[in-house]
């Protein structure tokens, strides 16, 4: 099944392509990026929740193409910071979307706290034949005081998932996908498509 992924983030595209390639042939989803779909657009994320931003992106692509699609929005939610940076994760330190500056702001704001608990939360908005369905994926973990690792993107160098002693940035894509919030949401998407397929008698 082909789905347009409403994102220009190459890191996210690579992660999800890596996840879907490991699905069985019958359940595999082929991701079509915005550029591959001929869409040279940057979709805004103006809302105060991940759910609303995800819906904004999927609806925009569906209205432009009429094709089945999905979008995703993710936030890093830190317990001691009352859920910040949350929906503002990509622009926490300003509109320039600097990974380095975002990390520096998180570490500065968290420096006086001993509680380092955090989680990544991803919301996928899928539109099939005009109907929207949402899926959530959560990865619990903690923040480390010093960035570690050269892989990944965003806050990966300072986030260690539960049941690991390495940051996301110290893992390969396949290793990260064993914990990844985004792939947890994508797994629910696959299960939903399986149910749709079963119910349709295909």
N, C-alpha and C. Protein backbone atom coordinates (compact mmCIF):
# COMPACT_ATOMS: atom_id res chain seq x y z
N UNK A 1 0.84 -1.19 0.00
CA UNK A 1 0.00 0.00 0.00
C UNK A 1 0.88 1.24 0.00
N UNK A 2 0.55 2.21 -0.83
CA UNK A 2 1.29 3.46 -0.91
C UNK A 2 0.57 4.55 -0.10
N UNK A 3 1.35 5.24 0.72
CA UNK A 3 0.82 6.36 1.49
C UNK A 3 1.78 7.54 1.36
N UNK A 4 1.24 8.72 1.08
CA UNK A 4 2.07 9.92 1.12
C UNK A 4 2.33 10.27 2.57
N UNK A 5 3.60 10.50 2.91
CA UNK A 5 3.97 10.92 4.25
C UNK A 5 4.14 12.43 4.24
N UNK A 6 3.32 13.13 4.98
CA UNK A 6 3.28 14.59 4.97
C UNK A 6 4.42 15.19 5.78
N UNK A 7 5.63 14.98 5.29
CA UNK A 7 6.80 15.49 5.99
C UNK A 7 7.93 15.77 5.01
N UNK A 8 8.72 16.80 5.34
CA UNK A 8 9.96 17.06 4.61
C UNK A 8 11.18 16.67 5.44
N UNK A 9 10.93 16.06 6.62
CA UNK A 9 12.01 15.70 7.51
C UNK A 9 12.63 14.38 7.06
N UNK A 10 13.81 14.46 6.45
CA UNK A 10 14.44 13.28 5.89
C UNK A 10 14.77 12.24 6.95
N UNK A 11 15.07 12.69 8.15
CA UNK A 11 15.37 11.75 9.24
C UNK A 11 14.14 10.89 9.57
N UNK A 12 12.98 11.54 9.67
CA UNK A 12 11.76 10.80 9.96
C UNK A 12 11.39 9.86 8.82
N UNK A 13 11.58 10.32 7.59
CA UNK A 13 11.30 9.49 6.43
C UNK A 13 12.17 8.24 6.45
N UNK A 14 13.45 8.41 6.75
CA UNK A 14 14.37 7.26 6.80
C UNK A 14 13.99 6.29 7.90
N UNK A 15 13.62 6.81 9.08
CA UNK A 15 13.23 5.94 10.19
C UNK A 15 12.02 5.09 9.83
N UNK A 16 11.00 5.73 9.26
CA UNK A 16 9.78 5.00 8.95
C UNK A 16 9.96 4.06 7.77
N UNK A 17 10.76 4.45 6.79
CA UNK A 17 11.04 3.53 5.69
C UNK A 17 11.77 2.30 6.20
N UNK A 18 12.69 2.50 7.14
CA UNK A 18 13.41 1.39 7.74
C UNK A 18 12.46 0.48 8.51
N UNK A 19 11.51 1.07 9.22
CA UNK A 19 10.53 0.28 9.96
C UNK A 19 9.64 -0.53 9.02
N UNK A 20 9.08 0.12 8.02
CA UNK A 20 8.13 -0.54 7.14
C UNK A 20 8.78 -1.63 6.28
N UNK A 21 10.06 -1.48 5.98
CA UNK A 21 10.71 -2.48 5.13
C UNK A 21 10.81 -3.83 5.86
N UNK A 22 10.71 -3.79 7.19
CA UNK A 22 10.80 -5.02 7.97
C UNK A 22 9.45 -5.71 8.15
N UNK A 23 8.38 -5.08 7.66
CA UNK A 23 7.08 -5.71 7.71
C UNK A 23 6.98 -6.80 6.64
N UNK A 24 6.06 -7.74 6.82
CA UNK A 24 5.86 -8.78 5.80
C UNK A 24 5.37 -8.15 4.51
N UNK A 25 5.56 -8.82 3.41
CA UNK A 25 5.19 -8.28 2.10
C UNK A 25 3.72 -7.88 2.06
N UNK A 26 2.86 -8.66 2.70
CA UNK A 26 1.42 -8.37 2.67
C UNK A 26 1.06 -7.12 3.46
N UNK A 27 1.88 -6.80 4.48
CA UNK A 27 1.56 -5.68 5.36
C UNK A 27 2.42 -4.45 5.10
N UNK A 28 3.30 -4.54 4.13
CA UNK A 28 4.27 -3.47 3.93
C UNK A 28 3.60 -2.20 3.40
N UNK A 29 4.06 -1.08 3.93
CA UNK A 29 3.58 0.22 3.48
C UNK A 29 4.71 0.91 2.73
N UNK A 30 4.41 1.39 1.54
CA UNK A 30 5.42 2.15 0.78
C UNK A 30 5.19 3.63 1.02
N UNK A 31 6.20 4.27 1.59
CA UNK A 31 6.09 5.70 1.88
C UNK A 31 6.48 6.51 0.66
N UNK A 32 5.63 7.47 0.34
CA UNK A 32 5.90 8.42 -0.72
C UNK A 32 6.12 9.78 -0.04
N UNK A 33 7.31 10.32 -0.15
CA UNK A 33 7.59 11.61 0.50
C UNK A 33 6.87 12.73 -0.24
N UNK A 34 6.82 13.90 0.38
CA UNK A 34 6.17 15.05 -0.27
C UNK A 34 6.83 15.36 -1.61
N UNK A 35 8.16 15.33 -1.64
CA UNK A 35 8.85 15.65 -2.90
C UNK A 35 8.57 14.59 -3.95
N UNK A 36 8.51 13.32 -3.54
CA UNK A 36 8.21 12.25 -4.48
C UNK A 36 6.77 12.34 -5.00
N UNK A 37 5.90 12.96 -4.21
CA UNK A 37 4.52 13.15 -4.62
C UNK A 37 4.35 14.44 -5.42
N UNK A 38 5.45 15.15 -5.65
CA UNK A 38 5.40 16.39 -6.43
C UNK A 38 4.90 17.58 -5.64
N UNK A 39 5.00 17.51 -4.31
CA UNK A 39 4.52 18.61 -3.46
C UNK A 39 5.70 19.37 -2.87
N UNK A 40 5.93 20.55 -3.37
CA UNK A 40 7.01 21.41 -2.88
C UNK A 40 6.41 22.40 -1.89
N UNK A 41 6.07 21.89 -0.72
CA UNK A 41 5.38 22.73 0.28
C UNK A 41 5.98 22.48 1.66
N UNK A 42 5.85 23.48 2.51
CA UNK A 42 6.18 23.37 3.94
C UNK A 42 4.88 23.59 4.69
N UNK A 43 4.37 22.55 5.34
CA UNK A 43 3.07 22.65 6.00
C UNK A 43 3.26 23.23 7.40
N UNK A 44 2.53 24.29 7.75
CA UNK A 44 2.70 24.91 9.07
C UNK A 44 2.21 23.99 10.19
N UNK A 45 2.75 24.25 11.39
CA UNK A 45 2.34 23.54 12.60
C UNK A 45 1.90 24.59 13.62
N UNK A 46 0.73 25.22 13.41
CA UNK A 46 0.36 26.40 14.19
C UNK A 46 -0.38 26.10 15.49
N UNK A 47 -0.66 24.85 15.77
CA UNK A 47 -1.58 24.52 16.86
C UNK A 47 -0.87 24.23 18.18
N UNK A 48 -1.68 24.09 19.23
CA UNK A 48 -1.16 23.91 20.57
C UNK A 48 -1.09 22.46 21.02
N UNK A 49 -1.47 21.53 20.14
CA UNK A 49 -1.38 20.11 20.47
C UNK A 49 -0.77 19.35 19.30
N UNK A 50 -0.13 18.22 19.62
CA UNK A 50 0.41 17.36 18.57
C UNK A 50 -0.69 16.84 17.67
N UNK A 51 -1.84 16.53 18.27
CA UNK A 51 -2.96 15.99 17.52
C UNK A 51 -3.44 16.96 16.45
N UNK A 52 -3.58 18.23 16.82
CA UNK A 52 -4.06 19.23 15.86
C UNK A 52 -3.04 19.47 14.75
N UNK A 53 -1.76 19.50 15.10
CA UNK A 53 -0.73 19.69 14.09
C UNK A 53 -0.67 18.53 13.11
N UNK A 54 -0.79 17.31 13.64
CA UNK A 54 -0.78 16.13 12.77
C UNK A 54 -1.96 16.18 11.81
N UNK A 55 -3.13 16.54 12.32
CA UNK A 55 -4.32 16.63 11.48
C UNK A 55 -4.17 17.72 10.42
N UNK A 56 -3.59 18.84 10.80
CA UNK A 56 -3.36 19.94 9.84
C UNK A 56 -2.55 19.44 8.64
N UNK A 57 -1.52 18.67 8.92
CA UNK A 57 -0.63 18.21 7.85
C UNK A 57 -1.29 17.15 6.97
N UNK A 58 -1.97 16.19 7.58
CA UNK A 58 -2.61 15.14 6.77
C UNK A 58 -3.76 15.70 5.94
N UNK A 59 -4.54 16.59 6.53
CA UNK A 59 -5.66 17.20 5.78
C UNK A 59 -5.15 18.04 4.62
N UNK A 60 -4.06 18.76 4.84
CA UNK A 60 -3.50 19.59 3.77
C UNK A 60 -3.12 18.73 2.57
N UNK A 61 -2.42 17.62 2.84
CA UNK A 61 -1.98 16.75 1.75
C UNK A 61 -3.17 16.08 1.07
N UNK A 62 -4.14 15.67 1.85
CA UNK A 62 -5.30 15.00 1.26
C UNK A 62 -6.10 15.97 0.38
N UNK A 63 -6.25 17.20 0.83
CA UNK A 63 -6.98 18.19 0.04
C UNK A 63 -6.26 18.51 -1.26
N UNK A 64 -4.93 18.52 -1.22
CA UNK A 64 -4.15 18.84 -2.41
C UNK A 64 -4.09 17.69 -3.41
N UNK A 65 -4.12 16.46 -2.92
CA UNK A 65 -3.88 15.31 -3.80
C UNK A 65 -5.06 14.35 -3.94
N UNK A 66 -5.92 14.31 -2.92
CA UNK A 66 -7.00 13.31 -2.92
C UNK A 66 -6.48 11.89 -2.71
N UNK A 67 -5.23 11.77 -2.30
CA UNK A 67 -4.61 10.45 -2.12
C UNK A 67 -4.48 10.10 -0.64
N UNK A 68 -4.51 8.80 -0.34
CA UNK A 68 -4.33 8.35 1.03
C UNK A 68 -2.97 8.82 1.55
N UNK A 69 -2.95 9.25 2.80
CA UNK A 69 -1.73 9.84 3.34
C UNK A 69 -1.72 9.74 4.85
N UNK A 70 -0.57 10.07 5.41
CA UNK A 70 -0.49 10.19 6.87
C UNK A 70 0.54 11.25 7.22
N UNK A 71 0.41 11.74 8.43
CA UNK A 71 1.36 12.72 8.94
C UNK A 71 1.73 12.32 10.35
N UNK A 72 2.69 13.03 10.91
CA UNK A 72 3.16 12.70 12.25
C UNK A 72 3.66 13.96 12.92
N UNK A 73 3.37 14.09 14.21
CA UNK A 73 3.96 15.18 14.99
C UNK A 73 4.44 14.59 16.31
N UNK A 74 5.61 15.03 16.74
CA UNK A 74 6.25 14.47 17.92
C UNK A 74 6.65 15.57 18.88
N UNK A 75 6.56 15.28 20.17
CA UNK A 75 7.04 16.20 21.18
C UNK A 75 7.84 15.48 22.25
N UNK A 76 8.88 16.14 22.75
CA UNK A 76 9.61 15.66 23.92
C UNK A 76 8.95 16.29 25.14
N UNK A 77 8.47 15.45 26.04
CA UNK A 77 7.75 15.94 27.21
C UNK A 77 8.55 15.60 28.47
N UNK A 78 9.05 16.64 29.14
CA UNK A 78 9.92 16.47 30.31
C UNK A 78 9.12 16.75 31.58
N UNK A 79 9.12 15.77 32.46
CA UNK A 79 8.26 15.84 33.65
C UNK A 79 8.54 17.07 34.50
N UNK A 80 9.80 17.34 34.82
CA UNK A 80 10.15 18.46 35.70
C UNK A 80 9.83 19.82 35.08
N UNK A 81 9.74 19.86 33.75
CA UNK A 81 9.44 21.12 33.05
C UNK A 81 7.97 21.21 32.66
N UNK A 82 7.14 20.44 33.38
CA UNK A 82 5.69 20.46 33.14
C UNK A 82 5.32 20.14 31.69
N UNK A 83 6.05 19.19 31.11
CA UNK A 83 5.73 18.74 29.76
C UNK A 83 6.43 19.49 28.65
N UNK A 84 7.22 20.49 28.99
CA UNK A 84 7.99 21.19 27.94
C UNK A 84 9.13 20.30 27.46
N UNK A 85 9.60 20.52 26.24
CA UNK A 85 9.12 21.50 25.24
C UNK A 85 7.83 21.09 24.52
N UNK A 86 7.43 19.83 24.61
CA UNK A 86 6.13 19.41 24.08
C UNK A 86 5.92 19.75 22.63
N UNK A 87 4.77 20.36 22.35
CA UNK A 87 4.41 20.67 20.97
C UNK A 87 5.37 21.67 20.34
N UNK A 88 6.12 22.39 21.16
CA UNK A 88 7.09 23.37 20.65
C UNK A 88 8.49 22.78 20.48
N UNK A 89 8.61 21.45 20.52
CA UNK A 89 9.92 20.81 20.53
C UNK A 89 10.83 21.26 19.39
N UNK A 90 10.29 21.35 18.18
CA UNK A 90 11.12 21.68 17.02
C UNK A 90 11.63 23.12 17.06
N UNK A 91 10.91 23.98 17.77
CA UNK A 91 11.26 25.41 17.77
C UNK A 91 11.46 25.92 19.19
N UNK A 92 11.90 25.06 20.08
CA UNK A 92 11.99 25.42 21.50
C UNK A 92 12.89 26.62 21.73
N UNK A 93 13.98 26.71 21.00
CA UNK A 93 14.93 27.82 21.18
C UNK A 93 14.73 28.92 20.14
N UNK A 94 13.69 28.83 19.33
CA UNK A 94 13.43 29.84 18.32
C UNK A 94 13.04 29.23 16.98
N UNK A 95 12.66 30.08 16.06
CA UNK A 95 12.12 29.63 14.78
C UNK A 95 13.16 29.03 13.84
N UNK A 96 14.44 29.14 14.17
CA UNK A 96 15.46 28.64 13.24
C UNK A 96 15.63 27.12 13.30
N UNK A 97 14.93 26.46 14.23
CA UNK A 97 14.94 24.99 14.32
C UNK A 97 16.35 24.41 14.49
N UNK A 98 17.15 25.00 15.34
CA UNK A 98 18.50 24.50 15.58
C UNK A 98 18.46 23.39 16.62
N UNK A 99 18.89 22.17 16.22
CA UNK A 99 18.94 21.06 17.17
C UNK A 99 19.83 21.41 18.36
N UNK A 100 20.99 21.99 18.06
CA UNK A 100 21.97 22.30 19.10
C UNK A 100 21.41 23.31 20.10
N UNK A 101 20.76 24.35 19.62
CA UNK A 101 20.22 25.38 20.52
C UNK A 101 19.04 24.83 21.33
N UNK A 102 18.24 23.98 20.71
CA UNK A 102 17.12 23.37 21.44
C UNK A 102 17.64 22.52 22.60
N UNK A 103 18.66 21.73 22.34
CA UNK A 103 19.26 20.88 23.38
C UNK A 103 19.85 21.75 24.49
N UNK A 104 20.55 22.80 24.12
CA UNK A 104 21.16 23.68 25.12
C UNK A 104 20.11 24.31 26.01
N UNK A 105 18.96 24.69 25.44
CA UNK A 105 17.90 25.30 26.24
C UNK A 105 17.28 24.28 27.19
N UNK A 106 17.06 23.06 26.70
CA UNK A 106 16.52 22.00 27.57
C UNK A 106 17.46 21.76 28.75
N UNK A 107 18.75 21.59 28.47
CA UNK A 107 19.70 21.29 29.54
C UNK A 107 19.82 22.45 30.52
N UNK A 108 19.74 23.67 30.03
CA UNK A 108 19.80 24.84 30.92
C UNK A 108 18.57 24.89 31.83
N UNK A 109 17.39 24.65 31.24
CA UNK A 109 16.16 24.72 32.03
C UNK A 109 16.05 23.57 33.03
N UNK A 110 16.71 22.46 32.72
CA UNK A 110 16.60 21.27 33.56
C UNK A 110 17.75 21.16 34.57
N UNK A 111 18.71 22.07 34.50
CA UNK A 111 19.95 21.94 35.27
C UNK A 111 19.74 21.92 36.78
N UNK A 112 18.69 22.58 37.27
CA UNK A 112 18.48 22.65 38.72
C UNK A 112 17.59 21.53 39.25
N UNK A 113 17.18 20.61 38.36
CA UNK A 113 16.29 19.53 38.77
C UNK A 113 17.04 18.19 38.81
N UNK A 114 16.70 17.37 39.81
CA UNK A 114 17.24 16.01 39.85
C UNK A 114 16.37 15.04 39.08
N UNK A 115 15.09 15.38 38.92
CA UNK A 115 14.17 14.55 38.16
C UNK A 115 14.42 14.74 36.67
N UNK A 116 14.91 13.71 36.02
CA UNK A 116 15.24 13.80 34.60
C UNK A 116 14.27 12.98 33.73
N UNK A 117 13.16 12.55 34.33
CA UNK A 117 12.21 11.72 33.57
C UNK A 117 11.64 12.48 32.38
N UNK A 118 11.54 11.79 31.26
CA UNK A 118 11.01 12.41 30.04
C UNK A 118 10.40 11.33 29.17
N UNK A 119 9.66 11.77 28.19
CA UNK A 119 9.13 10.83 27.21
C UNK A 119 9.00 11.52 25.87
N UNK A 120 9.16 10.75 24.82
CA UNK A 120 8.80 11.19 23.48
C UNK A 120 7.39 10.69 23.20
N UNK A 121 6.56 11.56 22.67
CA UNK A 121 5.19 11.16 22.29
C UNK A 121 4.95 11.53 20.84
N UNK A 122 4.55 10.56 20.04
CA UNK A 122 4.27 10.78 18.62
C UNK A 122 2.80 10.54 18.34
N UNK A 123 2.24 11.37 17.48
CA UNK A 123 0.85 11.20 17.03
C UNK A 123 0.86 11.12 15.51
N UNK A 124 0.29 10.04 15.00
CA UNK A 124 0.13 9.87 13.55
C UNK A 124 -1.33 10.12 13.19
N UNK A 125 -1.54 10.89 12.14
CA UNK A 125 -2.87 11.13 11.59
C UNK A 125 -2.93 10.50 10.20
N UNK A 126 -3.73 9.47 10.07
CA UNK A 126 -3.88 8.73 8.82
C UNK A 126 -5.21 9.09 8.16
N UNK A 127 -5.17 9.37 6.87
CA UNK A 127 -6.41 9.62 6.13
C UNK A 127 -6.50 8.60 5.00
N UNK A 128 -7.52 7.77 5.07
CA UNK A 128 -7.83 6.78 4.04
C UNK A 128 -9.23 7.06 3.51
N UNK A 129 -9.33 7.31 2.22
CA UNK A 129 -10.63 7.61 1.61
C UNK A 129 -11.37 8.72 2.34
N UNK A 130 -10.62 9.71 2.79
CA UNK A 130 -11.21 10.88 3.43
C UNK A 130 -11.48 10.73 4.91
N UNK A 131 -11.31 9.54 5.46
CA UNK A 131 -11.56 9.31 6.90
C UNK A 131 -10.25 9.36 7.67
N UNK A 132 -10.25 10.15 8.76
CA UNK A 132 -9.04 10.28 9.57
C UNK A 132 -9.07 9.35 10.78
N UNK A 133 -7.92 8.72 11.06
CA UNK A 133 -7.73 7.90 12.25
C UNK A 133 -6.38 8.25 12.84
N UNK A 134 -6.30 8.28 14.18
CA UNK A 134 -5.06 8.68 14.84
C UNK A 134 -4.46 7.53 15.66
N UNK A 135 -3.14 7.57 15.76
CA UNK A 135 -2.40 6.56 16.51
C UNK A 135 -1.32 7.26 17.33
N UNK A 136 -1.13 6.80 18.56
CA UNK A 136 -0.15 7.41 19.46
C UNK A 136 0.93 6.41 19.81
N UNK A 137 2.16 6.88 19.86
CA UNK A 137 3.28 6.08 20.31
C UNK A 137 4.08 6.83 21.37
N UNK A 138 4.44 6.15 22.45
CA UNK A 138 5.15 6.78 23.56
C UNK A 138 6.41 6.00 23.88
N UNK A 139 7.50 6.71 24.10
CA UNK A 139 8.75 6.11 24.54
C UNK A 139 9.19 6.83 25.81
N UNK A 140 9.13 6.14 26.94
CA UNK A 140 9.57 6.72 28.21
C UNK A 140 11.08 6.60 28.35
N UNK A 141 11.65 7.52 29.10
CA UNK A 141 13.09 7.49 29.31
C UNK A 141 13.54 8.61 30.21
N UNK A 142 14.75 9.09 29.99
CA UNK A 142 15.30 10.16 30.81
C UNK A 142 16.27 11.01 30.00
N UNK A 143 16.54 12.20 30.52
CA UNK A 143 17.47 13.13 29.90
C UNK A 143 18.84 13.00 30.57
N UNK A 144 19.88 12.98 29.76
CA UNK A 144 21.25 12.99 30.31
C UNK A 144 21.81 14.41 30.24
N UNK A 145 22.77 14.69 31.13
CA UNK A 145 23.27 16.06 31.26
C UNK A 145 24.20 16.49 30.13
N UNK A 146 24.80 15.52 29.45
CA UNK A 146 25.76 15.82 28.39
C UNK A 146 25.38 15.06 27.13
N UNK A 147 25.28 15.73 25.98
CA UNK A 147 24.95 15.03 24.73
C UNK A 147 25.94 13.92 24.42
N UNK A 148 25.41 12.80 23.92
CA UNK A 148 26.23 11.64 23.58
C UNK A 148 25.76 11.05 22.26
N UNK A 149 26.71 10.74 21.38
CA UNK A 149 26.38 10.06 20.14
C UNK A 149 26.28 11.00 18.96
N UNK A 150 26.44 10.43 17.76
CA UNK A 150 26.46 11.21 16.53
C UNK A 150 25.34 10.84 15.56
N UNK A 151 24.54 9.85 15.91
CA UNK A 151 23.46 9.41 15.02
C UNK A 151 22.19 10.20 15.34
N UNK A 152 21.13 9.90 14.56
CA UNK A 152 19.83 10.48 14.87
C UNK A 152 19.73 11.96 14.60
N UNK A 153 18.80 12.61 15.30
CA UNK A 153 18.54 14.03 15.08
C UNK A 153 17.77 14.57 16.28
N UNK A 154 17.53 15.87 16.27
CA UNK A 154 16.74 16.48 17.33
C UNK A 154 17.36 16.28 18.71
N UNK A 155 16.55 15.79 19.64
CA UNK A 155 16.99 15.61 21.02
C UNK A 155 17.63 14.24 21.26
N UNK A 156 17.87 13.48 20.22
CA UNK A 156 18.42 12.12 20.37
C UNK A 156 19.70 12.05 21.21
N UNK A 157 20.61 13.04 21.13
CA UNK A 157 21.85 12.93 21.91
C UNK A 157 21.67 13.03 23.43
N UNK A 158 20.50 13.49 23.91
CA UNK A 158 20.32 13.64 25.36
C UNK A 158 19.20 12.76 25.90
N UNK A 159 18.65 11.86 25.08
CA UNK A 159 17.54 11.03 25.54
C UNK A 159 17.93 9.56 25.56
N UNK A 160 17.78 8.93 26.74
CA UNK A 160 18.00 7.49 26.88
C UNK A 160 16.64 6.83 27.13
N UNK A 161 16.23 5.89 26.27
CA UNK A 161 14.96 5.20 26.49
C UNK A 161 15.07 4.19 27.64
N UNK A 162 13.93 3.89 28.24
CA UNK A 162 13.90 2.86 29.27
C UNK A 162 14.48 1.55 28.75
N UNK A 163 15.14 0.81 29.64
CA UNK A 163 15.74 -0.49 29.31
C UNK A 163 16.93 -0.38 28.37
N UNK A 164 17.58 0.78 28.39
CA UNK A 164 18.80 0.98 27.62
C UNK A 164 19.75 1.86 28.42
N UNK A 165 21.03 1.78 28.11
CA UNK A 165 22.00 2.68 28.73
C UNK A 165 22.65 3.59 27.69
N UNK A 166 22.06 3.62 26.48
CA UNK A 166 22.58 4.45 25.40
C UNK A 166 21.54 5.48 24.97
N UNK A 167 22.01 6.63 24.53
CA UNK A 167 21.10 7.62 23.96
C UNK A 167 20.66 7.16 22.57
N UNK A 168 19.58 7.74 22.09
CA UNK A 168 19.14 7.46 20.72
C UNK A 168 20.24 7.77 19.71
N UNK A 169 21.05 8.78 20.01
CA UNK A 169 22.11 9.18 19.08
C UNK A 169 23.29 8.21 19.07
N UNK A 170 23.29 7.26 20.01
CA UNK A 170 24.32 6.22 20.04
C UNK A 170 23.83 4.92 19.40
N UNK A 171 22.65 4.96 18.80
CA UNK A 171 22.04 3.77 18.20
C UNK A 171 21.93 3.92 16.69
N UNK A 172 21.94 2.78 15.99
CA UNK A 172 21.59 2.78 14.57
C UNK A 172 20.08 2.97 14.44
N UNK A 173 19.61 3.22 13.22
CA UNK A 173 18.18 3.39 13.01
C UNK A 173 17.41 2.14 13.46
N UNK A 174 17.91 0.96 13.09
CA UNK A 174 17.21 -0.28 13.46
C UNK A 174 17.18 -0.48 14.96
N UNK A 175 18.27 -0.11 15.65
CA UNK A 175 18.30 -0.22 17.11
C UNK A 175 17.32 0.77 17.74
N UNK A 176 17.32 1.99 17.25
CA UNK A 176 16.40 3.01 17.78
C UNK A 176 14.95 2.60 17.57
N UNK A 177 14.67 1.97 16.43
CA UNK A 177 13.29 1.58 16.12
C UNK A 177 12.73 0.53 17.08
N UNK A 178 13.60 -0.12 17.86
CA UNK A 178 13.12 -1.07 18.86
C UNK A 178 12.44 -0.35 20.03
N UNK A 179 12.77 0.93 20.20
CA UNK A 179 12.20 1.73 21.29
C UNK A 179 11.30 2.87 20.79
N UNK A 180 11.50 3.24 19.55
CA UNK A 180 11.03 4.50 18.99
C UNK A 180 9.52 4.73 19.11
N UNK A 181 9.17 5.90 19.63
CA UNK A 181 7.79 6.37 19.73
C UNK A 181 7.11 6.41 18.37
N UNK A 182 7.85 6.85 17.35
CA UNK A 182 7.29 6.99 16.02
C UNK A 182 6.93 5.63 15.43
N UNK A 183 7.82 4.66 15.62
CA UNK A 183 7.54 3.33 15.07
C UNK A 183 6.48 2.60 15.90
N UNK A 184 6.34 2.94 17.18
CA UNK A 184 5.24 2.37 17.97
C UNK A 184 3.90 2.84 17.41
N UNK A 185 3.81 4.12 17.06
CA UNK A 185 2.60 4.63 16.44
C UNK A 185 2.39 4.01 15.06
N UNK A 186 3.50 3.83 14.31
CA UNK A 186 3.41 3.23 12.98
C UNK A 186 2.96 1.78 13.05
N UNK A 187 3.37 1.06 14.10
CA UNK A 187 2.94 -0.33 14.28
C UNK A 187 1.42 -0.40 14.47
N UNK A 188 0.87 0.58 15.19
CA UNK A 188 -0.59 0.64 15.35
C UNK A 188 -1.27 0.94 14.02
N UNK A 189 -0.64 1.79 13.21
CA UNK A 189 -1.16 2.08 11.87
C UNK A 189 -1.21 0.80 11.04
N UNK A 190 -0.14 0.01 11.07
CA UNK A 190 -0.10 -1.24 10.32
C UNK A 190 -1.19 -2.19 10.78
N UNK A 191 -1.37 -2.30 12.11
CA UNK A 191 -2.41 -3.18 12.65
C UNK A 191 -3.80 -2.72 12.19
N UNK A 192 -3.99 -1.41 12.12
CA UNK A 192 -5.27 -0.87 11.65
C UNK A 192 -5.51 -1.22 10.19
N UNK A 193 -4.46 -1.08 9.37
CA UNK A 193 -4.59 -1.42 7.95
C UNK A 193 -4.87 -2.91 7.76
N UNK A 194 -4.27 -3.74 8.62
CA UNK A 194 -4.53 -5.17 8.57
C UNK A 194 -6.00 -5.46 8.85
N UNK A 195 -6.55 -4.76 9.84
CA UNK A 195 -7.97 -4.94 10.19
C UNK A 195 -8.87 -4.48 9.05
N UNK A 196 -8.52 -3.34 8.44
CA UNK A 196 -9.28 -2.85 7.30
C UNK A 196 -9.29 -3.88 6.16
N UNK A 197 -8.10 -4.42 5.91
CA UNK A 197 -7.94 -5.41 4.83
C UNK A 197 -8.76 -6.66 5.13
N UNK A 198 -8.71 -7.10 6.38
CA UNK A 198 -9.46 -8.30 6.79
C UNK A 198 -10.96 -8.08 6.66
N UNK A 199 -11.41 -6.91 7.08
CA UNK A 199 -12.85 -6.61 7.04
C UNK A 199 -13.37 -6.43 5.63
N UNK A 200 -12.47 -6.03 4.72
CA UNK A 200 -12.89 -5.84 3.33
C UNK A 200 -12.91 -7.14 2.55
N UNK A 201 -12.33 -8.17 3.15
CA UNK A 201 -12.32 -9.49 2.51
C UNK A 201 -11.28 -9.62 1.43
N UNK A 202 -10.29 -8.69 1.41
CA UNK A 202 -9.24 -8.74 0.38
C UNK A 202 -8.25 -9.86 0.72
